[in-house]
Amino acid sequence: MVWRSFVSTIEGTPDERGLVQDARAARRWLAQRTGVEERDIVLMGRSLGGGVVVDLAAEDGARGLVLSSTFTSLPDVGKHHLPLLPIGLLMSNRFNSLKKIATYPGPLLQSHGDADEIIPFELGRQLHEAALGPKRMVVIPGGRHDDLQTEQWQNALDEFIDSLPPVVTTGAARL
């Protein structure tokens, strides 16, 4: 009963455009609160969130891009799970990260488990190969989709953040 009343209060249907708009609004809010330019924020996305932040980084730029268990496109993931269906024709949400990441020139840190049962490792590898800028891929041996990140990943993330140039604030942050 509680679930039904919660669902009835939600308006609209989530889609690719709406998710990207929401992420863009969240980044704008964070930039205003911290006094930095939007393009100076490090974007991080995991799984579907990776598709969202690849779009933002490709369109607007980012100080750095961090991806975990992310795909080339949603139809590619669908084809992996349902190879006999014309998934490409059935899906309206595409998140074509493979195409978009090729326009993002900035630094990328990416991780993917080689035993990911939801988003095949090969899709993550293809996405990484398409990236232009300085990039690093951390392969998590035996890592599945919902596993916690390893100490190796945490160290790589620390190194990645430390390697980014400092950010100049544009003014006083609004707290």
N, C-alpha and C. Protein backbone atom coordinates (compact mmCIF):
# COMPACT_ATOMS: atom_id res chain seq x y z
N MET A 1 0.81 -1.19 0.00
CA MET A 1 0.00 0.00 0.00
C MET A 1 0.86 1.26 0.00
N VAL A 2 1.91 1.28 0.81
CA VAL A 2 2.80 2.44 0.85
C VAL A 2 3.45 2.65 -0.51
N TRP A 3 3.91 1.55 -1.14
CA TRP A 3 4.54 1.65 -2.45
C TRP A 3 3.59 2.26 -3.47
N ARG A 4 2.35 1.80 -3.48
CA ARG A 4 1.36 2.30 -4.44
C ARG A 4 1.14 3.79 -4.27
N SER A 5 1.05 4.27 -3.04
CA SER A 5 0.83 5.70 -2.82
C SER A 5 2.07 6.51 -3.21
N PHE A 6 3.27 5.93 -3.01
CA PHE A 6 4.48 6.61 -3.42
C PHE A 6 4.52 6.75 -4.94
N VAL A 7 4.25 5.66 -5.64
CA VAL A 7 4.29 5.67 -7.10
C VAL A 7 3.26 6.65 -7.66
N SER A 8 2.12 6.76 -7.06
CA SER A 8 1.08 7.65 -7.59
C SER A 8 1.47 9.12 -7.45
N THR A 9 2.47 9.45 -6.62
CA THR A 9 2.88 10.85 -6.47
C THR A 9 3.96 11.25 -7.47
N ILE A 10 4.53 10.28 -8.17
CA ILE A 10 5.57 10.57 -9.14
C ILE A 10 4.93 11.02 -10.45
N GLU A 11 5.44 12.11 -11.00
CA GLU A 11 4.90 12.60 -12.26
C GLU A 11 5.90 12.36 -13.37
N GLY A 12 5.41 12.08 -14.56
CA GLY A 12 6.27 11.90 -15.71
C GLY A 12 6.89 10.52 -15.76
N THR A 13 7.61 10.29 -16.84
CA THR A 13 8.30 9.03 -17.06
C THR A 13 9.77 9.33 -17.26
N PRO A 14 10.65 8.68 -16.50
CA PRO A 14 12.08 8.95 -16.68
C PRO A 14 12.54 8.55 -18.08
N ASP A 15 13.33 9.40 -18.68
CA ASP A 15 13.90 9.09 -19.99
C ASP A 15 15.28 9.72 -20.10
N GLU A 16 15.96 9.44 -21.20
CA GLU A 16 17.32 9.91 -21.39
C GLU A 16 17.43 11.43 -21.27
N ARG A 17 16.57 12.13 -21.97
CA ARG A 17 16.62 13.59 -21.95
C ARG A 17 16.41 14.15 -20.54
N GLY A 18 15.44 13.59 -19.82
CA GLY A 18 15.16 14.05 -18.47
C GLY A 18 16.29 13.76 -17.50
N LEU A 19 16.90 12.60 -17.61
CA LEU A 19 18.03 12.27 -16.73
C LEU A 19 19.20 13.22 -16.95
N VAL A 20 19.48 13.51 -18.21
CA VAL A 20 20.58 14.44 -18.51
C VAL A 20 20.24 15.85 -18.03
N GLN A 21 19.01 16.28 -18.21
CA GLN A 21 18.59 17.60 -17.71
C GLN A 21 18.72 17.68 -16.19
N ASP A 22 18.32 16.63 -15.50
CA ASP A 22 18.44 16.62 -14.04
C ASP A 22 19.90 16.68 -13.61
N ALA A 23 20.75 15.92 -14.29
CA ALA A 23 22.18 15.93 -13.96
C ALA A 23 22.79 17.30 -14.23
N ARG A 24 22.39 17.92 -15.32
CA ARG A 24 22.89 19.25 -15.65
C ARG A 24 22.45 20.27 -14.59
N ALA A 25 21.22 20.16 -14.14
CA ALA A 25 20.73 21.07 -13.08
C ALA A 25 21.48 20.83 -11.77
N ALA A 26 21.76 19.58 -11.45
CA ALA A 26 22.51 19.28 -10.22
C ALA A 26 23.93 19.84 -10.30
N ARG A 27 24.55 19.71 -11.46
CA ARG A 27 25.91 20.25 -11.64
C ARG A 27 25.89 21.78 -11.54
N ARG A 28 24.88 22.41 -12.13
CA ARG A 28 24.76 23.86 -12.06
C ARG A 28 24.63 24.32 -10.60
N TRP A 29 23.78 23.61 -9.85
CA TRP A 29 23.60 23.93 -8.43
C TRP A 29 24.92 23.78 -7.67
N LEU A 30 25.64 22.69 -7.91
CA LEU A 30 26.91 22.46 -7.23
C LEU A 30 27.93 23.54 -7.59
N ALA A 31 27.99 23.92 -8.86
CA ALA A 31 28.92 24.97 -9.28
C ALA A 31 28.60 26.29 -8.57
N GLN A 32 27.34 26.63 -8.49
CA GLN A 32 26.94 27.86 -7.80
C GLN A 32 27.28 27.80 -6.32
N ARG A 33 27.05 26.67 -5.70
CA ARG A 33 27.32 26.51 -4.26
C ARG A 33 28.81 26.54 -3.94
N THR A 34 29.65 26.08 -4.87
CA THR A 34 31.09 25.99 -4.59
C THR A 34 31.89 27.11 -5.22
N GLY A 35 31.27 27.90 -6.10
CA GLY A 35 31.98 29.01 -6.72
C GLY A 35 32.96 28.58 -7.81
N VAL A 36 32.70 27.46 -8.46
CA VAL A 36 33.56 27.02 -9.57
C VAL A 36 32.72 26.95 -10.84
N GLU A 37 33.41 26.96 -11.96
CA GLU A 37 32.72 26.81 -13.24
C GLU A 37 32.20 25.37 -13.37
N GLU A 38 31.11 25.21 -14.07
CA GLU A 38 30.53 23.87 -14.26
C GLU A 38 31.53 22.92 -14.91
N ARG A 39 32.30 23.39 -15.87
CA ARG A 39 33.24 22.53 -16.57
C ARG A 39 34.44 22.14 -15.69
N ASP A 40 34.57 22.75 -14.51
CA ASP A 40 35.66 22.42 -13.59
C ASP A 40 35.26 21.37 -12.55
N ILE A 41 34.10 20.81 -12.70
CA ILE A 41 33.64 19.76 -11.79
C ILE A 41 34.01 18.40 -12.37
N VAL A 42 34.49 17.52 -11.51
CA VAL A 42 34.77 16.15 -11.91
C VAL A 42 33.44 15.39 -11.91
N LEU A 43 33.14 14.76 -13.02
CA LEU A 43 31.90 14.01 -13.16
C LEU A 43 32.18 12.53 -12.93
N MET A 44 31.30 11.88 -12.17
CA MET A 44 31.47 10.46 -11.88
C MET A 44 30.15 9.75 -12.08
N GLY A 45 30.18 8.65 -12.81
CA GLY A 45 28.96 7.88 -13.05
C GLY A 45 29.23 6.39 -13.04
N ARG A 46 28.27 5.67 -12.51
CA ARG A 46 28.36 4.22 -12.45
C ARG A 46 27.16 3.62 -13.17
N SER A 47 27.41 2.64 -14.02
CA SER A 47 26.37 1.95 -14.76
C SER A 47 25.58 2.95 -15.60
N LEU A 48 24.28 3.06 -15.41
CA LEU A 48 23.48 4.02 -16.18
C LEU A 48 23.95 5.45 -15.94
N GLY A 49 24.39 5.75 -14.73
CA GLY A 49 24.91 7.08 -14.42
C GLY A 49 26.11 7.44 -15.28
N GLY A 50 26.87 6.43 -15.71
CA GLY A 50 27.98 6.68 -16.62
C GLY A 50 27.51 7.24 -17.95
N GLY A 51 26.40 6.71 -18.45
CA GLY A 51 25.84 7.25 -19.69
C GLY A 51 25.43 8.69 -19.55
N VAL A 52 24.92 9.04 -18.38
CA VAL A 52 24.48 10.42 -18.13
C VAL A 52 25.69 11.36 -18.11
N VAL A 53 26.74 10.99 -17.36
CA VAL A 53 27.88 11.91 -17.23
C VAL A 53 28.74 11.95 -18.49
N VAL A 54 28.76 10.88 -19.29
CA VAL A 54 29.45 10.95 -20.58
C VAL A 54 28.78 12.01 -21.44
N ASP A 55 27.47 12.04 -21.43
CA ASP A 55 26.73 13.05 -22.19
C ASP A 55 27.11 14.46 -21.73
N LEU A 56 27.11 14.70 -20.42
CA LEU A 56 27.47 16.02 -19.90
C LEU A 56 28.89 16.40 -20.26
N ALA A 57 29.83 15.49 -20.09
CA ALA A 57 31.23 15.78 -20.38
C ALA A 57 31.43 16.07 -21.87
N ALA A 58 30.75 15.31 -22.71
CA ALA A 58 30.88 15.51 -24.16
C ALA A 58 30.29 16.84 -24.59
N GLU A 59 29.16 17.21 -24.02
CA GLU A 59 28.48 18.44 -24.41
C GLU A 59 29.09 19.69 -23.79
N ASP A 60 29.44 19.60 -22.51
CA ASP A 60 29.81 20.80 -21.76
C ASP A 60 31.24 20.80 -21.22
N GLY A 61 31.93 19.69 -21.33
CA GLY A 61 33.27 19.58 -20.76
C GLY A 61 33.21 19.20 -19.29
N ALA A 62 34.35 18.80 -18.77
CA ALA A 62 34.47 18.43 -17.36
C ALA A 62 35.94 18.46 -17.00
N ARG A 63 36.22 18.70 -15.75
CA ARG A 63 37.60 18.69 -15.25
C ARG A 63 38.18 17.28 -15.37
N GLY A 64 37.35 16.30 -15.16
CA GLY A 64 37.72 14.90 -15.28
C GLY A 64 36.46 14.07 -15.34
N LEU A 65 36.60 12.87 -15.85
CA LEU A 65 35.47 11.96 -16.00
C LEU A 65 35.85 10.62 -15.39
N VAL A 66 35.01 10.14 -14.48
CA VAL A 66 35.24 8.87 -13.80
C VAL A 66 34.05 7.97 -14.09
N LEU A 67 34.32 6.81 -14.67
CA LEU A 67 33.26 5.88 -15.04
C LEU A 67 33.50 4.52 -14.41
N SER A 68 32.43 3.89 -14.01
CA SER A 68 32.51 2.56 -13.42
C SER A 68 31.40 1.70 -13.98
N SER A 69 31.76 0.56 -14.54
CA SER A 69 30.78 -0.40 -15.07
C SER A 69 29.83 0.26 -16.05
N THR A 70 30.39 0.99 -16.98
CA THR A 70 29.59 1.75 -17.95
C THR A 70 29.65 1.10 -19.33
N PHE A 71 28.71 1.41 -20.16
CA PHE A 71 28.46 0.74 -21.43
C PHE A 71 28.74 1.64 -22.64
N THR A 72 28.71 1.02 -23.82
CA THR A 72 28.83 1.76 -25.07
C THR A 72 27.50 2.43 -25.42
N SER A 73 26.42 1.68 -25.29
CA SER A 73 25.06 2.21 -25.50
C SER A 73 24.07 1.24 -24.86
N LEU A 74 22.89 1.73 -24.55
CA LEU A 74 21.86 0.84 -23.98
C LEU A 74 21.44 -0.24 -24.96
N PRO A 75 21.28 0.07 -26.26
CA PRO A 75 20.95 -1.02 -27.18
C PRO A 75 22.02 -2.12 -27.22
N ASP A 76 23.29 -1.76 -27.06
CA ASP A 76 24.34 -2.79 -27.02
C ASP A 76 24.17 -3.71 -25.82
N VAL A 77 23.81 -3.14 -24.68
CA VAL A 77 23.56 -3.95 -23.48
C VAL A 77 22.35 -4.85 -23.73
N GLY A 78 21.30 -4.27 -24.30
CA GLY A 78 20.10 -5.05 -24.60
C GLY A 78 20.37 -6.19 -25.55
N LYS A 79 21.18 -5.95 -26.59
CA LYS A 79 21.52 -7.00 -27.56
C LYS A 79 22.26 -8.15 -26.88
N HIS A 80 23.09 -7.81 -25.89
CA HIS A 80 23.82 -8.85 -25.17
C HIS A 80 22.85 -9.78 -24.43
N HIS A 81 21.85 -9.21 -23.80
CA HIS A 81 20.92 -10.00 -23.00
C HIS A 81 19.80 -10.64 -23.82
N LEU A 82 19.40 -10.01 -24.90
CA LEU A 82 18.31 -10.50 -25.74
C LEU A 82 18.74 -10.48 -27.21
N PRO A 83 19.66 -11.35 -27.58
CA PRO A 83 20.25 -11.28 -28.92
C PRO A 83 19.29 -11.55 -30.07
N LEU A 84 18.17 -12.19 -29.81
CA LEU A 84 17.25 -12.52 -30.90
C LEU A 84 16.20 -11.44 -31.17
N LEU A 85 16.14 -10.45 -30.30
CA LEU A 85 15.15 -9.37 -30.49
C LEU A 85 15.79 -8.16 -31.18
N PRO A 86 15.00 -7.41 -31.94
CA PRO A 86 15.52 -6.20 -32.59
C PRO A 86 15.58 -5.03 -31.59
N ILE A 87 16.44 -5.18 -30.60
CA ILE A 87 16.53 -4.22 -29.49
C ILE A 87 16.74 -2.79 -29.98
N GLY A 88 17.61 -2.62 -30.98
CA GLY A 88 17.89 -1.28 -31.49
C GLY A 88 16.65 -0.56 -31.99
N LEU A 89 15.69 -1.31 -32.48
CA LEU A 89 14.45 -0.72 -32.97
C LEU A 89 13.45 -0.47 -31.85
N LEU A 90 13.58 -1.21 -30.75
CA LEU A 90 12.60 -1.14 -29.67
C LEU A 90 12.92 -0.10 -28.61
N MET A 91 14.17 0.29 -28.50
CA MET A 91 14.59 1.18 -27.40
C MET A 91 14.58 2.64 -27.84
N SER A 92 13.93 3.48 -27.05
CA SER A 92 13.96 4.91 -27.33
C SER A 92 15.09 5.60 -26.57
N ASN A 93 15.46 5.08 -25.39
CA ASN A 93 16.58 5.62 -24.63
C ASN A 93 17.84 4.90 -25.09
N ARG A 94 18.80 5.66 -25.60
CA ARG A 94 19.95 5.04 -26.23
C ARG A 94 21.26 5.25 -25.46
N PHE A 95 21.44 6.42 -24.89
CA PHE A 95 22.70 6.74 -24.20
C PHE A 95 23.89 6.23 -25.02
N ASN A 96 24.07 6.80 -26.19
CA ASN A 96 25.15 6.37 -27.08
C ASN A 96 26.48 6.94 -26.60
N SER A 97 27.00 6.37 -25.54
CA SER A 97 28.24 6.85 -24.94
C SER A 97 29.45 6.63 -25.83
N LEU A 98 29.42 5.59 -26.65
CA LEU A 98 30.54 5.31 -27.55
C LEU A 98 30.75 6.48 -28.51
N LYS A 99 29.69 7.01 -29.06
CA LYS A 99 29.78 8.15 -29.96
C LYS A 99 30.17 9.42 -29.21
N LYS A 100 29.56 9.63 -28.05
CA LYS A 100 29.77 10.87 -27.31
C LYS A 100 31.15 10.97 -26.68
N ILE A 101 31.69 9.85 -26.20
CA ILE A 101 32.98 9.93 -25.51
C ILE A 101 34.09 10.32 -26.48
N ALA A 102 33.88 10.07 -27.74
CA ALA A 102 34.87 10.43 -28.76
C ALA A 102 34.98 11.93 -28.95
N THR A 103 34.10 12.71 -28.34
CA THR A 103 34.18 14.17 -28.43
C THR A 103 34.64 14.81 -27.13
N TYR A 104 34.88 14.00 -26.11
CA TYR A 104 35.36 14.51 -24.82
C TYR A 104 36.89 14.39 -24.78
N PRO A 105 37.60 15.53 -24.75
CA PRO A 105 39.06 15.49 -24.82
C PRO A 105 39.78 15.38 -23.47
N GLY A 106 39.03 15.41 -22.39
CA GLY A 106 39.64 15.48 -21.07
C GLY A 106 40.06 14.13 -20.49
N PRO A 107 40.59 14.18 -19.27
CA PRO A 107 41.07 12.97 -18.62
C PRO A 107 39.93 12.04 -18.19
N LEU A 108 40.21 10.74 -18.30
CA LEU A 108 39.23 9.71 -17.99
C LEU A 108 39.86 8.64 -17.10
N LEU A 109 39.16 8.28 -16.06
CA LEU A 109 39.49 7.10 -15.25
C LEU A 109 38.28 6.20 -15.31
N GLN A 110 38.52 4.94 -15.64
CA GLN A 110 37.42 4.02 -15.83
C GLN A 110 37.74 2.70 -15.14
N SER A 111 36.71 2.08 -14.57
CA SER A 111 36.87 0.74 -14.00
C SER A 111 35.75 -0.16 -14.51
N HIS A 112 36.08 -1.43 -14.57
CA HIS A 112 35.06 -2.41 -14.99
C HIS A 112 35.52 -3.78 -14.51
N GLY A 113 34.59 -4.53 -13.94
CA GLY A 113 34.88 -5.91 -13.55
C GLY A 113 34.86 -6.81 -14.76
N ASP A 114 35.82 -7.74 -14.82
CA ASP A 114 35.87 -8.63 -15.98
C ASP A 114 34.86 -9.78 -15.89
N ALA A 115 34.07 -9.83 -14.82
CA ALA A 115 33.01 -10.82 -14.68
C ALA A 115 31.64 -10.14 -14.53
N ASP A 116 31.52 -8.93 -15.05
CA ASP A 116 30.26 -8.16 -14.95
C ASP A 116 29.18 -8.89 -15.73
N GLU A 117 28.12 -9.29 -15.05
CA GLU A 117 27.04 -10.04 -15.67
C GLU A 117 25.94 -9.14 -16.23
N ILE A 118 25.96 -7.85 -15.92
CA ILE A 118 24.94 -6.92 -16.40
C ILE A 118 25.45 -6.16 -17.63
N ILE A 119 26.59 -5.51 -17.49
CA ILE A 119 27.21 -4.79 -18.60
C ILE A 119 28.51 -5.50 -18.93
N PRO A 120 28.55 -6.22 -20.05
CA PRO A 120 29.74 -7.01 -20.37
C PRO A 120 31.02 -6.17 -20.37
N PHE A 121 32.08 -6.75 -19.87
CA PHE A 121 33.39 -6.10 -19.82
C PHE A 121 33.78 -5.56 -21.20
N GLU A 122 33.48 -6.30 -22.24
CA GLU A 122 33.85 -5.90 -23.60
C GLU A 122 33.25 -4.53 -23.95
N LEU A 123 32.04 -4.24 -23.50
CA LEU A 123 31.44 -2.93 -23.79
C LEU A 123 32.20 -1.82 -23.07
N GLY A 124 32.63 -2.07 -21.85
CA GLY A 124 33.44 -1.09 -21.13
C GLY A 124 34.78 -0.87 -21.80
N ARG A 125 35.38 -1.97 -22.29
CA ARG A 125 36.67 -1.86 -22.99
C ARG A 125 36.52 -1.05 -24.28
N GLN A 126 35.46 -1.29 -25.03
CA GLN A 126 35.22 -0.54 -26.27
C GLN A 126 35.03 0.95 -25.98
N LEU A 127 34.31 1.25 -24.92
CA LEU A 127 34.10 2.65 -24.53
C LEU A 127 35.44 3.30 -24.21
N HIS A 128 36.27 2.61 -23.47
CA HIS A 128 37.58 3.14 -23.10
C HIS A 128 38.45 3.38 -24.32
N GLU A 129 38.44 2.46 -25.26
CA GLU A 129 39.24 2.62 -26.48
C GLU A 129 38.81 3.83 -27.30
N ALA A 130 37.54 4.19 -27.26
CA ALA A 130 37.03 5.31 -28.04
C ALA A 130 37.36 6.67 -27.43
N ALA A 131 37.74 6.69 -26.16
CA ALA A 131 38.05 7.95 -25.49
C ALA A 131 39.33 8.56 -26.06
N LEU A 132 39.34 9.90 -26.16
CA LEU A 132 40.46 10.61 -26.79
C LEU A 132 41.57 11.01 -25.83
N GLY A 133 41.18 11.59 -24.73
CA GLY A 133 42.14 12.24 -23.83
C GLY A 133 42.98 11.26 -23.05
N PRO A 134 43.74 11.78 -22.10
CA PRO A 134 44.50 10.88 -21.24
C PRO A 134 43.53 9.97 -20.51
N LYS A 135 43.84 8.68 -20.47
CA LYS A 135 42.88 7.74 -19.92
C LYS A 135 43.58 6.58 -19.22
N ARG A 136 42.85 6.02 -18.28
CA ARG A 136 43.34 4.84 -17.56
C ARG A 136 42.16 3.93 -17.29
N MET A 137 42.37 2.64 -17.50
CA MET A 137 41.34 1.64 -17.25
C MET A 137 41.83 0.72 -16.14
N VAL A 138 41.02 0.58 -15.10
CA VAL A 138 41.31 -0.34 -14.01
C VAL A 138 40.38 -1.53 -14.18
N VAL A 139 40.98 -2.69 -14.46
CA VAL A 139 40.22 -3.92 -14.61
C VAL A 139 40.16 -4.60 -13.24
N ILE A 140 38.96 -4.95 -12.82
CA ILE A 140 38.78 -5.60 -11.53
C ILE A 140 38.59 -7.10 -11.78
N PRO A 141 39.65 -7.88 -11.52
CA PRO A 141 39.58 -9.33 -11.78
C PRO A 141 38.45 -9.99 -10.97
N GLY A 142 37.59 -10.70 -11.68
CA GLY A 142 36.47 -11.38 -11.03
C GLY A 142 35.36 -10.44 -10.59
N GLY A 143 35.49 -9.14 -10.89
CA GLY A 143 34.51 -8.15 -10.45
C GLY A 143 33.19 -8.29 -11.18
N ARG A 144 32.12 -8.33 -10.41
CA ARG A 144 30.77 -8.37 -10.95
C ARG A 144 30.18 -6.97 -10.91
N HIS A 145 28.99 -6.80 -11.46
CA HIS A 145 28.41 -5.47 -11.64
C HIS A 145 28.18 -4.73 -10.32
N ASP A 146 27.70 -5.41 -9.32
CA ASP A 146 27.34 -4.74 -8.07
C ASP A 146 28.39 -4.91 -6.97
N ASP A 147 29.57 -5.40 -7.32
CA ASP A 147 30.62 -5.54 -6.31
C ASP A 147 31.15 -4.18 -5.90
N LEU A 148 31.66 -4.11 -4.69
CA LEU A 148 32.30 -2.89 -4.21
C LEU A 148 33.61 -2.68 -4.96
N GLN A 149 34.04 -1.45 -5.06
CA GLN A 149 35.31 -1.15 -5.71
C GLN A 149 36.47 -1.65 -4.84
N THR A 150 37.55 -2.01 -5.48
CA THR A 150 38.71 -2.58 -4.79
C THR A 150 39.64 -1.48 -4.28
N GLU A 151 40.60 -1.89 -3.47
CA GLU A 151 41.62 -0.95 -3.00
C GLU A 151 42.43 -0.42 -4.18
N GLN A 152 42.66 -1.27 -5.17
CA GLN A 152 43.36 -0.84 -6.39
C GLN A 152 42.61 0.33 -7.04
N TRP A 153 41.28 0.22 -7.10
CA TRP A 153 40.46 1.27 -7.69
C TRP A 153 40.54 2.54 -6.84
N GLN A 154 40.45 2.40 -5.54
CA GLN A 154 40.51 3.56 -4.65
C GLN A 154 41.84 4.30 -4.82
N ASN A 155 42.93 3.55 -4.93
CA ASN A 155 44.24 4.17 -5.14
C ASN A 155 44.30 4.88 -6.49
N ALA A 156 43.75 4.24 -7.52
CA ALA A 156 43.73 4.86 -8.85
C ALA A 156 42.90 6.13 -8.85
N LEU A 157 41.79 6.13 -8.13
CA LEU A 157 40.95 7.32 -8.04
C LEU A 157 41.69 8.45 -7.33
N ASP A 158 42.36 8.13 -6.24
CA ASP A 158 43.16 9.15 -5.53
C ASP A 158 44.22 9.75 -6.45
N GLU A 159 44.94 8.90 -7.18
CA GLU A 159 45.97 9.37 -8.11
C GLU A 159 45.37 10.23 -9.21
N PHE A 160 44.22 9.82 -9.72
CA PHE A 160 43.54 10.57 -10.77
C PHE A 160 43.18 11.97 -10.30
N ILE A 161 42.53 12.06 -9.14
CA ILE A 161 42.13 13.37 -8.60
C ILE A 161 43.37 14.24 -8.34
N ASP A 162 44.42 13.64 -7.78
CA ASP A 162 45.65 14.40 -7.51
C ASP A 162 46.32 14.90 -8.78
N SER A 163 46.11 14.21 -9.90
CA SER A 163 46.77 14.59 -11.15
C SER A 163 46.07 15.73 -11.88
N LEU A 164 44.85 16.05 -11.48
CA LEU A 164 44.09 17.09 -12.17
C LEU A 164 44.61 18.47 -11.78
N PRO A 165 44.61 19.41 -12.73
CA PRO A 165 45.06 20.76 -12.40
C PRO A 165 44.15 21.41 -11.37
N PRO A 166 44.69 22.32 -10.57
CA PRO A 166 43.86 22.99 -9.57
C PRO A 166 42.77 23.83 -10.22
N VAL A 167 41.70 24.03 -9.48
CA VAL A 167 40.56 24.81 -9.94
C VAL A 167 40.62 26.19 -9.34
N VAL A 168 40.33 27.18 -10.16
CA VAL A 168 40.25 28.57 -9.69
C VAL A 168 38.77 28.86 -9.47
N THR A 169 38.43 29.33 -8.28
CA THR A 169 37.03 29.66 -8.01
C THR A 169 36.67 30.99 -8.66
N THR A 170 35.40 31.09 -9.02
CA THR A 170 34.91 32.29 -9.71
C THR A 170 34.39 33.34 -8.75
N GLY A 171 34.30 33.01 -7.53
CA GLY A 171 33.76 33.97 -6.55
C GLY A 171 33.39 33.24 -5.29
N ALA A 172 32.73 33.94 -4.43
CA ALA A 172 32.33 33.34 -3.15
C ALA A 172 31.28 32.28 -3.36
N ALA A 173 31.46 31.19 -2.68
CA ALA A 173 30.48 30.13 -2.73
C ALA A 173 29.24 30.54 -1.95
N ARG A 174 28.08 30.10 -2.41
CA ARG A 174 26.83 30.36 -1.70
C ARG A 174 26.51 29.17 -0.83
N LEU A 175 26.56 29.37 0.44
CA LEU A 175 26.29 28.26 1.37
C LEU A 175 24.94 28.29 1.94
